[in-house]
Amino acid sequence: SYGLQNSRFDQDFHVFGIEWKENQIDFFVDGFLYQRVTPKDVTGEWVYNHPFFLILNVAVGGNFVGFPTDGTSFPQNMYIDYVRVYKAK
C-alpha cells in the first residue's frame, strides 16, 4: 500500500505509472517508486510476461478500505485526464 503525506488522493490529480517489463513490474505515484514486483515475489507461476488489457474502474468496498456504510456517498466518480501506453524498444 501507499499513502500520501499530508494529503488524500481524492483532493487533487495524480500521475500513476507502471513500468512493465518481462520479469519486473514497477508501480509509481507522482514519480515515486513505491512497489516493485518480480517473479520471486509471487506465489505460483509468473504470468505477467504476456499481453494484457488495461481496466480502469472505481471499486467500492472490499478488504482494502472496508465495505460501504450508510455514510458512503454514491455515485462515486473517477476522473481520468489521459492514459498513455508506450512500448519499449
Protein backbone atom coordinates (compact mmCIF):
# COMPACT_ATOMS: atom_id res chain seq x y z
CA SER A 1 0.00 0.00 0.00
CA TYR A 2 1.00 3.62 -0.43
CA GLY A 3 -0.35 6.75 1.22
CA LEU A 4 0.22 10.42 0.50
CA GLN A 5 1.97 12.58 3.07
CA ASN A 6 -0.41 15.25 4.45
CA SER A 7 -2.93 14.77 1.63
CA ARG A 8 -5.55 12.48 0.14
CA PHE A 9 -5.84 11.01 -3.33
CA ASP A 10 -9.30 12.48 -3.85
CA GLN A 11 -8.20 16.10 -3.33
CA ASP A 12 -6.02 16.53 -6.42
CA PHE A 13 -4.96 14.92 -9.67
CA HIS A 14 -2.05 12.46 -9.50
CA VAL A 15 0.11 10.65 -12.02
CA PHE A 16 0.06 6.88 -11.62
CA GLY A 17 2.61 4.92 -13.60
CA ILE A 18 3.52 1.32 -14.26
CA GLU A 19 6.70 0.21 -15.95
CA TRP A 20 6.04 -3.35 -17.02
CA LYS A 21 8.98 -5.45 -18.14
CA GLU A 22 9.13 -9.17 -18.84
CA ASN A 23 10.39 -10.05 -15.34
CA GLN A 24 9.62 -6.94 -13.31
CA ILE A 25 6.72 -4.54 -12.70
CA ASP A 26 7.34 -1.13 -11.06
CA PHE A 27 4.49 0.98 -9.65
CA PHE A 28 4.77 4.78 -9.29
CA VAL A 29 2.69 7.61 -7.82
CA ASP A 30 3.71 11.12 -8.87
CA GLY A 31 7.13 9.81 -9.93
CA PHE A 32 7.79 7.96 -6.66
CA LEU A 33 8.54 4.23 -7.00
CA TYR A 34 6.53 2.62 -4.21
CA GLN A 35 6.41 -1.05 -5.28
CA ARG A 36 8.48 -3.46 -7.37
CA VAL A 37 7.27 -6.98 -8.11
CA THR A 38 9.39 -9.74 -9.65
CA PRO A 39 8.75 -13.45 -10.28
CA LYS A 40 10.32 -14.36 -6.92
CA ASP A 41 7.73 -12.15 -5.13
CA VAL A 42 4.67 -14.08 -6.30
CA THR A 43 3.42 -17.49 -5.34
CA GLY A 44 2.83 -19.76 -8.28
CA GLU A 45 3.56 -19.01 -11.92
CA TRP A 46 4.68 -15.56 -13.14
CA VAL A 47 2.03 -14.79 -15.77
CA TYR A 48 2.90 -11.14 -16.39
CA ASN A 49 5.11 -11.74 -19.43
CA HIS A 50 2.11 -12.00 -21.79
CA PRO A 51 -0.14 -9.32 -23.35
CA PHE A 52 -2.83 -7.87 -21.06
CA PHE A 53 -5.71 -5.40 -21.24
CA LEU A 54 -5.92 -2.27 -19.08
CA ILE A 55 -9.08 -1.93 -17.00
CA LEU A 56 -9.80 1.27 -15.06
CA ASN A 57 -12.65 1.13 -12.57
CA VAL A 58 -13.94 2.53 -9.31
CA ALA A 59 -14.10 -0.32 -6.83
CA VAL A 60 -16.14 0.35 -3.70
CA GLY A 61 -15.74 -1.92 -0.71
CA GLY A 62 -13.67 -4.99 -0.09
CA ASN A 63 -10.73 -5.72 2.16
CA PHE A 64 -8.64 -2.63 1.34
CA VAL A 65 -10.67 0.14 2.98
CA GLY A 66 -13.74 -1.78 4.08
CA PHE A 67 -17.29 -2.13 2.87
CA PRO A 68 -19.66 0.79 2.19
CA THR A 69 -21.74 2.11 5.05
CA ASP A 70 -24.81 4.35 5.24
CA GLY A 71 -22.37 7.29 5.19
CA THR A 72 -20.74 6.27 1.90
CA SER A 73 -21.70 8.70 -0.85
CA PHE A 74 -22.92 7.33 -4.14
CA PRO A 75 -22.42 7.53 -7.00
CA GLN A 76 -18.63 7.55 -6.83
CA ASN A 77 -16.62 9.21 -9.61
CA MET A 78 -13.20 8.73 -11.13
CA TYR A 79 -11.83 11.42 -13.42
CA ILE A 80 -9.11 10.43 -15.89
CA ASP A 81 -7.30 13.09 -17.88
CA TYR A 82 -5.46 10.67 -20.15
CA VAL A 83 -3.96 7.20 -20.45
CA ARG A 84 -0.70 6.69 -22.30
CA VAL A 85 0.84 3.36 -23.22
CA TYR A 86 4.38 3.13 -24.51
CA LYS A 87 6.26 0.15 -25.84
CA ALA A 88 9.96 -0.12 -25.01
CA LYS A 89 12.26 -0.69 -27.94
